[in-house]
Amino acid sequence: MAHDFEIVKIEDVDPLSLLDSENRITDAIMTNYEFTRLIGRRDFQLKNGDDQPRIDAEDEIDTLEIARRELYAHVIPLVIRRTVPDGRVEWWKVSQLYIDN
């Protein structure tokens, strides 16, 4: 199913909107586009000093690799906002999605 999506910082999202999982119609699988955009957005945050790494990254200096490791550890502080064709919006935490990459 085709849908539009946006990556949003988790602190910018109403916590109640993250709880509405009963009425979702999209699959709990992260698309390649979402994966790529999450990694890119997190890499940008880390490079600009907007946030500190959420994992032990003492030996790692590559922000892209830190972002990738955070994503696979499900600690990346971003959520996915999916807009489905009928106009409804679904919010997904990274920890709720299966990563197939």
Protein backbone atom coordinates (compact mmCIF):
# COMPACT_ATOMS: atom_id res chain seq x y z
CA MET A 1 0.00 0.00 0.00
CA ALA A 2 1.41 3.36 -1.00
CA HIS A 3 1.63 5.99 1.66
CA ASP A 4 3.47 9.20 2.36
CA PHE A 5 5.67 9.49 5.42
CA GLU A 6 7.59 12.00 7.49
CA ILE A 7 10.30 11.59 10.13
CA VAL A 8 9.63 13.51 13.35
CA LYS A 9 11.55 13.90 16.62
CA ILE A 10 9.83 11.85 19.29
CA GLU A 11 9.61 14.79 21.70
CA ASP A 12 7.56 16.71 19.10
CA VAL A 13 4.80 14.07 19.08
CA ASP A 14 1.77 13.90 21.35
CA PRO A 15 2.28 10.69 23.39
CA LEU A 16 -1.39 9.79 23.02
CA SER A 17 -1.09 9.65 19.25
CA LEU A 18 1.56 6.93 19.60
CA LEU A 19 -0.87 4.72 21.51
CA ASP A 20 -3.51 4.48 18.78
CA SER A 21 -2.33 1.19 17.28
CA GLU A 22 -5.69 -0.55 16.99
CA ASN A 23 -6.85 1.27 13.87
CA ARG A 24 -3.66 1.07 11.82
CA ILE A 25 -3.92 -0.20 8.27
CA THR A 26 -0.26 -0.09 7.24
CA ASP A 27 2.12 -2.97 7.94
CA ALA A 28 4.56 -2.96 10.84
CA ILE A 29 7.47 -3.25 8.41
CA MET A 30 9.91 -0.40 7.87
CA THR A 31 10.26 0.43 4.19
CA ASN A 32 13.65 1.00 2.57
CA TYR A 33 12.72 4.67 2.13
CA GLU A 34 11.87 5.06 5.82
CA PHE A 35 15.07 3.24 6.79
CA THR A 36 17.19 5.52 4.61
CA ARG A 37 15.48 8.69 5.76
CA LEU A 38 15.74 7.72 9.45
CA ILE A 39 19.46 7.04 9.13
CA GLY A 40 20.03 10.27 7.20
CA ARG A 41 18.03 12.42 9.61
CA ARG A 42 19.76 10.94 12.66
CA ASP A 43 23.19 11.31 11.02
CA PHE A 44 22.38 14.98 10.39
CA GLN A 45 21.37 15.48 14.05
CA LEU A 46 24.57 13.89 15.33
CA LYS A 47 26.85 15.79 12.92
CA ASN A 48 25.30 19.12 13.91
CA GLY A 49 25.49 18.38 17.62
CA ASP A 50 21.69 18.56 18.00
CA ASP A 51 21.68 15.42 20.15
CA GLN A 52 24.05 13.00 21.83
CA PRO A 53 24.39 9.34 20.78
CA ARG A 54 21.96 7.00 22.54
CA ILE A 55 24.39 4.09 22.42
CA ASP A 56 27.93 3.54 23.67
CA ALA A 57 29.87 5.18 20.85
CA GLU A 58 33.22 5.88 22.47
CA ASP A 59 35.21 4.06 19.79
CA GLU A 60 32.99 5.20 16.90
CA ILE A 61 33.51 8.55 15.19
CA ASP A 62 31.41 7.95 12.08
CA THR A 63 28.00 9.50 12.79
CA LEU A 64 26.40 7.46 10.01
CA GLU A 65 27.47 4.22 11.71
CA ILE A 66 26.28 5.51 15.09
CA ALA A 67 22.88 6.31 13.54
CA ARG A 68 22.72 2.83 12.00
CA ARG A 69 23.58 1.15 15.31
CA GLU A 70 20.97 3.26 17.14
CA LEU A 71 18.33 2.25 14.63
CA TYR A 72 19.04 -1.47 14.98
CA ALA A 73 19.08 -1.08 18.78
CA HIS A 74 15.64 0.64 18.57
CA VAL A 75 16.85 3.65 20.55
CA ILE A 76 16.79 6.24 17.76
CA PRO A 77 14.76 9.23 19.06
CA LEU A 78 12.63 9.60 15.93
CA VAL A 79 9.19 8.38 14.90
CA ILE A 80 7.58 7.81 11.53
CA ARG A 81 4.39 9.64 10.60
CA ARG A 82 2.61 7.76 7.81
CA THR A 83 -0.24 9.37 5.90
CA VAL A 84 -2.44 6.80 4.18
CA PRO A 85 -4.45 7.49 0.99
CA ASP A 86 -7.69 8.21 2.85
CA GLY A 87 -5.95 11.02 4.77
CA ARG A 88 -5.57 9.27 8.12
CA VAL A 89 -2.26 9.55 9.96
CA GLU A 90 -0.44 6.70 11.67
CA TRP A 91 2.46 7.20 14.08
CA TRP A 92 5.05 4.43 14.40
CA LYS A 93 7.94 4.19 16.85
CA VAL A 94 11.02 2.48 15.48
CA SER A 95 10.66 -0.19 18.16
CA GLN A 96 7.24 -1.12 16.71
CA LEU A 97 8.56 -1.81 13.23
CA TYR A 98 10.33 -4.81 11.75
CA ILE A 99 13.56 -3.76 10.03
CA ASP A 100 14.22 -5.86 6.95
CA ASN A 101 17.55 -4.28 5.91
